Amino acid sequence: MSTNSNPQISPIAQIRALHDRLVKAESLVTEHKVHPVINMPDHYVVEGVAGFYIVNGSCSCNDATKRNDLIKGHCKHRLAVF
């Protein structure tokens, strides 16, 4: 019998996780915490709770890097720049 060390994540769990992040991303935008980087097209500085993040198609925050199986890299910072 084989064991799977990486349990399957349900689509409902992914939808809920992304919804939560979209709500937070909307707050970042409405609170003016998303700033384009001058002379660097498609680069943004996003103010987060734990600091500032440079977003250019990806983000280095813990949420994006440690929960990739759940949110596929779509953290609130990355969603805020769409």
Protein backbone atom coordinates (compact mmCIF):
# COMPACT_ATOMS: atom_id res chain seq x y z
CA MET A 1 0.00 0.00 0.00
CA SER A 2 1.46 3.36 -0.99
CA THR A 3 1.13 6.42 1.17
CA ASN A 4 0.87 9.90 -0.21
CA SER A 5 2.91 12.37 1.83
CA ASN A 6 1.28 15.26 -0.01
CA PRO A 7 -2.47 14.98 0.56
CA GLN A 8 -4.76 16.11 -2.22
CA ILE A 9 -6.21 19.58 -1.69
CA SER A 10 -9.86 19.92 -2.59
CA PRO A 11 -10.97 22.48 -5.18
CA ILE A 12 -13.29 23.98 -2.55
CA ALA A 13 -10.34 24.58 -0.20
CA GLN A 14 -8.45 26.27 -3.04
CA ILE A 15 -11.42 28.48 -3.92
CA ARG A 16 -11.86 29.54 -0.30
CA ALA A 17 -8.15 30.28 0.08
CA LEU A 18 -8.09 32.37 -3.09
CA HIS A 19 -11.26 34.22 -2.10
CA ASP A 20 -9.68 35.19 1.22
CA ARG A 21 -6.61 36.46 -0.58
CA LEU A 22 -8.68 38.41 -3.12
CA VAL A 23 -10.49 40.21 -0.29
CA LYS A 24 -7.13 41.10 1.27
CA ALA A 25 -5.73 42.16 -2.11
CA GLU A 26 -8.68 44.49 -2.60
CA SER A 27 -7.89 46.10 0.76
CA LEU A 28 -4.27 46.61 -0.24
CA VAL A 29 -5.38 48.41 -3.39
CA THR A 30 -8.04 50.57 -1.71
CA GLU A 31 -5.57 51.50 1.05
CA HIS A 32 -3.05 52.62 -1.62
CA LYS A 33 -0.43 50.04 -0.61
CA VAL A 34 0.48 49.04 -4.17
CA HIS A 35 3.10 51.21 -5.90
CA PRO A 36 4.67 50.84 -9.35
CA VAL A 37 8.47 50.82 -9.35
CA ILE A 38 9.84 53.73 -11.38
CA ASN A 39 11.79 52.67 -14.49
CA MET A 40 10.97 49.00 -13.92
CA PRO A 41 7.94 47.99 -16.00
CA ASP A 42 5.71 45.33 -14.42
CA HIS A 43 7.40 45.69 -11.02
CA TYR A 44 5.45 46.79 -7.97
CA VAL A 45 6.18 47.39 -4.32
CA VAL A 46 3.37 46.10 -2.15
CA GLU A 47 3.16 47.01 1.52
CA GLY A 48 2.39 43.97 3.62
CA VAL A 49 1.97 43.38 7.33
CA ALA A 50 5.47 41.92 7.66
CA GLY A 51 7.21 44.33 5.30
CA PHE A 52 7.43 45.35 1.67
CA TYR A 53 7.42 42.95 -1.26
CA ILE A 54 8.59 43.47 -4.82
CA VAL A 55 6.13 41.75 -7.11
CA ASN A 56 6.90 40.98 -10.75
CA GLY A 57 4.77 38.00 -11.68
CA SER A 58 5.74 36.32 -8.41
CA CYS A 59 6.14 37.21 -4.77
CA SER A 60 8.60 36.04 -2.14
CA CYS A 61 6.26 36.26 0.87
CA ASN A 62 5.75 33.20 3.06
CA ASP A 63 2.21 32.71 1.81
CA ALA A 64 3.31 32.47 -1.82
CA THR A 65 6.31 30.27 -1.14
CA LYS A 66 5.08 27.98 1.62
CA ARG A 67 1.47 27.44 0.50
CA ASN A 68 2.08 27.01 -3.21
CA ASP A 69 0.19 23.71 -3.23
CA LEU A 70 -2.93 25.54 -2.02
CA ILE A 71 -2.80 28.91 -3.79
CA LYS A 72 -0.38 28.28 -6.68
CA GLY A 73 1.63 31.40 -5.82
CA HIS A 74 -1.39 33.72 -5.84
CA CYS A 75 -0.83 35.56 -2.55
CA LYS A 76 -2.60 38.81 -1.70
CA HIS A 77 0.41 40.83 -2.87
CA ARG A 78 0.46 39.24 -6.30
CA LEU A 79 -3.31 39.46 -6.68
CA ALA A 80 -3.21 43.16 -5.75
CA VAL A 81 -1.10 44.04 -8.79
CA PHE A 82 -3.39 42.40 -11.38
